[in-house]
Amino acid sequence: FFYFRKPYNYKMIIYKCRVTGDEMISDAYKPQDVIGEDGEPVPELMEVESLTVTKDGGAVDVGCGDAFGGGNAEEVDDAVEKVNNVIDESIGFGYNEVPMGKKDFKDFLKTYCGKVRSLLKEDDKIPGPEVKAFTQGAPAFCKWLLGKYDDLQFYMSASFNPDGCMAMSYYKDGASNPTFVYIKKGLIEEKC
């Protein structure tokens, strides 16, 4: 008796902007719910942690040498370009950092949430309860984002379309690389 296992047929998920179609992030970055100060998930937000990598794709030694059993300290090659694996255009998604005042950010959120809500209502694949959940969750995630405003950096997608979604980043306590935050319903999941 032989047991044949089905071949594993994994498809990567690319998260694209619901407005522009720009690729924003993939499930390879292991998106997770954003956890608020109260220890509960912030509705409709997800986050990914980024890394500093060399342009050739290798991870960067952060300088601990053999403190954790990693061997001797490596020689530092200043000629190797170090980039963020989410921001960089050749390794990541080609984000462009944009300045954003608090009032501008508040206006963006108001306009963008309204646009996403309209697009969700028009999409026959999105059931009414999901649209309602987005509408009810918007005040909570907007409050969380505005409360973090001083810690956030703002990024537009590669197309630089101001109507599209925005990635926001911040540094968690003690982190050397930023964590990127996304509005879930502003993204479409596409299997590839």
Protein backbone atom coordinates (compact mmCIF):
# COMPACT_ATOMS: atom_id res chain seq x y z
CA PHE A 1 0.00 0.00 0.00
CA PHE A 2 1.44 3.34 -1.06
CA TYR A 3 0.37 6.68 0.23
CA PHE A 4 0.60 9.43 -2.34
CA ARG A 5 0.54 12.92 -1.05
CA LYS A 6 -0.83 15.70 -3.18
CA PRO A 7 1.89 18.08 -4.30
CA TYR A 8 1.99 21.25 -2.27
CA ASN A 9 0.59 23.93 -4.51
CA TYR A 10 1.25 27.17 -2.66
CA LYS A 11 0.43 30.42 -4.34
CA MET A 12 1.88 33.68 -3.12
CA ILE A 13 -0.54 36.45 -2.25
CA ILE A 14 0.27 39.92 -3.53
CA TYR A 15 -1.61 42.77 -1.87
CA LYS A 16 -2.43 45.45 -4.45
CA CYS A 17 -3.85 48.91 -3.95
CA ARG A 18 -7.62 48.77 -4.48
CA VAL A 19 -7.51 52.17 -6.23
CA THR A 20 -4.37 52.04 -8.42
CA GLY A 21 -3.57 48.34 -8.73
CA ASP A 22 0.01 48.98 -7.52
CA GLU A 23 1.68 46.11 -5.67
CA MET A 24 2.07 47.12 -2.03
CA ILE A 25 3.25 44.02 -0.12
CA SER A 26 3.12 40.21 -0.25
CA ASP A 27 2.36 37.45 2.20
CA ALA A 28 6.07 36.54 2.11
CA TYR A 29 6.51 39.43 4.59
CA LYS A 30 4.11 37.67 7.01
CA PRO A 31 1.45 40.36 7.60
CA GLN A 32 -0.05 40.42 11.09
CA ASP A 33 -2.77 42.37 12.83
CA VAL A 34 -1.70 45.66 14.39
CA ILE A 35 -2.03 45.36 18.16
CA GLY A 36 -3.19 48.46 20.02
CA GLU A 37 -2.12 49.74 23.44
CA ASP A 38 -4.94 47.71 25.01
CA GLY A 39 -3.50 44.47 23.62
CA GLU A 40 -6.39 44.04 21.17
CA PRO A 41 -6.10 44.08 17.35
CA VAL A 42 -6.77 47.46 15.75
CA PRO A 43 -9.64 46.85 13.29
CA GLU A 44 -8.80 46.83 9.58
CA LEU A 45 -5.03 47.38 9.98
CA MET A 46 -2.17 44.99 9.28
CA GLU A 47 1.58 45.37 9.61
CA VAL A 48 4.82 43.81 8.39
CA GLU A 49 8.30 44.09 9.83
CA SER A 50 11.01 45.09 7.40
CA LEU A 51 14.71 44.28 7.21
CA THR A 52 17.86 45.98 6.05
CA VAL A 53 19.39 43.85 3.32
CA THR A 54 22.26 44.16 0.89
CA LYS A 55 21.31 45.03 -2.67
CA ASP A 56 22.25 41.47 -3.67
CA GLY A 57 19.58 40.17 -1.26
CA GLY A 58 21.66 39.06 1.73
CA ALA A 59 20.77 39.99 5.29
CA VAL A 60 22.90 42.58 7.04
CA ASP A 61 24.84 41.70 10.22
CA VAL A 62 23.75 44.29 12.78
CA GLY A 63 27.11 44.18 14.50
CA CYS A 64 26.74 41.68 17.34
CA GLY A 65 29.71 39.59 16.20
CA ASP A 66 29.75 36.34 18.17
CA ALA A 67 27.69 37.69 21.09
CA PHE A 68 24.95 35.20 20.24
CA GLY A 69 27.11 32.37 18.93
CA GLY A 70 27.15 33.68 15.38
CA GLY A 71 30.90 33.43 14.93
CA ASN A 72 33.41 36.17 14.47
CA ALA A 73 32.44 39.64 13.38
CA GLU A 74 32.33 39.92 9.61
CA GLU A 75 34.33 42.45 7.68
CA VAL A 76 32.20 45.46 6.78
CA ASP A 77 32.19 46.20 3.06
CA ASP A 78 31.24 49.84 2.64
CA ALA A 79 30.89 49.34 -1.14
CA VAL A 80 27.86 47.05 -0.66
CA GLU A 81 24.62 48.99 -0.86
CA LYS A 82 22.23 48.41 2.05
CA VAL A 83 18.52 48.95 1.46
CA ASN A 84 15.17 48.36 3.15
CA ASN A 85 13.52 45.20 1.78
CA VAL A 86 10.07 46.84 1.60
CA ILE A 87 10.96 50.30 0.25
CA ASP A 88 13.63 49.50 -2.36
CA GLU A 89 12.44 49.45 -5.97
CA SER A 90 14.45 46.38 -7.04
CA ILE A 91 14.01 44.18 -3.94
CA GLY A 92 10.81 45.62 -2.47
CA PHE A 93 7.89 47.64 -3.80
CA GLY A 94 9.39 50.99 -4.84
CA TYR A 95 7.80 53.19 -2.18
CA ASN A 96 8.35 56.93 -2.26
CA GLU A 97 8.50 58.77 1.05
CA VAL A 98 6.24 61.82 1.19
CA PRO A 99 5.97 64.57 3.79
CA MET A 100 2.59 64.74 5.47
CA GLY A 101 1.34 67.27 8.01
CA LYS A 102 -1.15 66.05 10.60
CA LYS A 103 -4.04 67.98 9.03
CA ASP A 104 -3.09 66.63 5.59
CA PHE A 105 -2.97 63.10 6.99
CA LYS A 106 -6.39 63.54 8.62
CA ASP A 107 -7.80 64.81 5.30
CA PHE A 108 -6.18 61.91 3.44
CA LEU A 109 -7.74 59.37 5.80
CA LYS A 110 -11.19 60.93 5.47
CA THR A 111 -11.05 61.01 1.67
CA TYR A 112 -9.37 57.63 1.31
CA CYS A 113 -11.76 55.82 3.67
CA GLY A 114 -14.72 57.25 1.76
CA LYS A 115 -13.22 56.12 -1.54
CA VAL A 116 -12.50 52.62 -0.22
CA ARG A 117 -16.02 52.33 1.20
CA SER A 118 -17.49 53.27 -2.21
CA LEU A 119 -15.27 50.74 -4.00
CA LEU A 120 -16.22 48.02 -1.51
CA LYS A 121 -19.94 48.74 -2.02
CA GLU A 122 -19.51 48.58 -5.82
CA ASP A 123 -17.64 45.25 -5.68
CA ASP A 124 -20.11 42.36 -5.95
CA LYS A 125 -17.54 39.99 -4.38
CA ILE A 126 -17.54 41.94 -1.10
CA PRO A 127 -20.50 41.03 1.12
CA GLY A 128 -22.39 43.80 2.90
CA PRO A 129 -21.18 42.79 6.38
CA GLU A 130 -17.55 43.33 5.29
CA VAL A 131 -18.38 46.84 4.06
CA LYS A 132 -20.14 47.50 7.36
CA ALA A 133 -17.14 46.15 9.33
CA PHE A 134 -14.83 48.51 7.43
CA THR A 135 -17.15 51.48 8.04
CA GLN A 136 -17.45 50.66 11.75
CA GLY A 137 -13.70 50.00 12.11
CA ALA A 138 -12.60 53.20 10.36
CA PRO A 139 -12.91 55.51 13.41
CA ALA A 140 -10.82 53.11 15.54
CA PHE A 141 -7.99 52.67 13.04
CA CYS A 142 -7.98 56.37 12.14
CA LYS A 143 -7.71 57.22 15.84
CA TRP A 144 -4.82 54.74 16.24
CA LEU A 145 -2.99 56.14 13.18
CA LEU A 146 -3.52 59.78 14.21
CA GLY A 147 -2.38 58.92 17.75
CA LYS A 148 0.86 57.55 16.26
CA TYR A 149 1.28 60.49 13.86
CA ASP A 150 4.52 61.79 15.45
CA ASP A 151 6.14 58.36 15.01
CA LEU A 152 4.96 57.71 11.44
CA GLN A 153 6.65 58.10 8.08
CA PHE A 154 4.46 58.07 4.97
CA TYR A 155 5.02 56.33 1.66
CA MET A 156 3.20 56.37 -1.66
CA SER A 157 3.34 53.48 -4.08
CA ALA A 158 5.57 53.39 -7.15
CA SER A 159 2.97 55.16 -9.35
CA PHE A 160 2.92 58.18 -6.99
CA ASN A 161 -0.87 58.36 -7.37
CA PRO A 162 -2.19 60.54 -4.51
CA ASP A 163 -5.59 58.79 -4.69
CA GLY A 164 -4.05 55.40 -3.94
CA CYS A 165 -3.28 53.72 -0.66
CA MET A 166 -0.41 54.74 1.51
CA ALA A 167 2.01 52.68 3.56
CA MET A 168 2.90 54.12 6.94
CA SER A 169 5.93 53.05 8.96
CA TYR A 170 7.11 53.43 12.54
CA TYR A 171 9.81 51.95 14.73
CA LYS A 172 8.71 49.62 17.50
CA ASP A 173 10.60 49.95 20.80
CA GLY A 174 14.20 48.87 20.28
CA ALA A 175 13.73 47.99 16.59
CA SER A 176 16.42 48.93 14.10
CA ASN A 177 14.08 48.58 11.11
CA PRO A 178 10.63 50.08 10.57
CA THR A 179 7.33 48.24 10.74
CA PHE A 180 4.96 49.09 7.85
CA VAL A 181 1.22 49.51 8.42
CA TYR A 182 -1.56 49.11 5.82
CA ILE A 183 -5.32 49.58 5.76
CA LYS A 184 -6.52 46.05 4.93
CA LYS A 185 -9.61 46.85 2.88
CA GLY A 186 -7.58 49.34 0.84
CA LEU A 187 -5.79 46.31 -0.60
CA ILE A 188 -6.92 43.53 -2.89
CA GLU A 189 -5.45 40.05 -2.38
CA GLU A 190 -4.25 38.50 -5.61
CA LYS A 191 -2.91 34.95 -5.78
CA CYS A 192 -0.07 34.41 -8.20
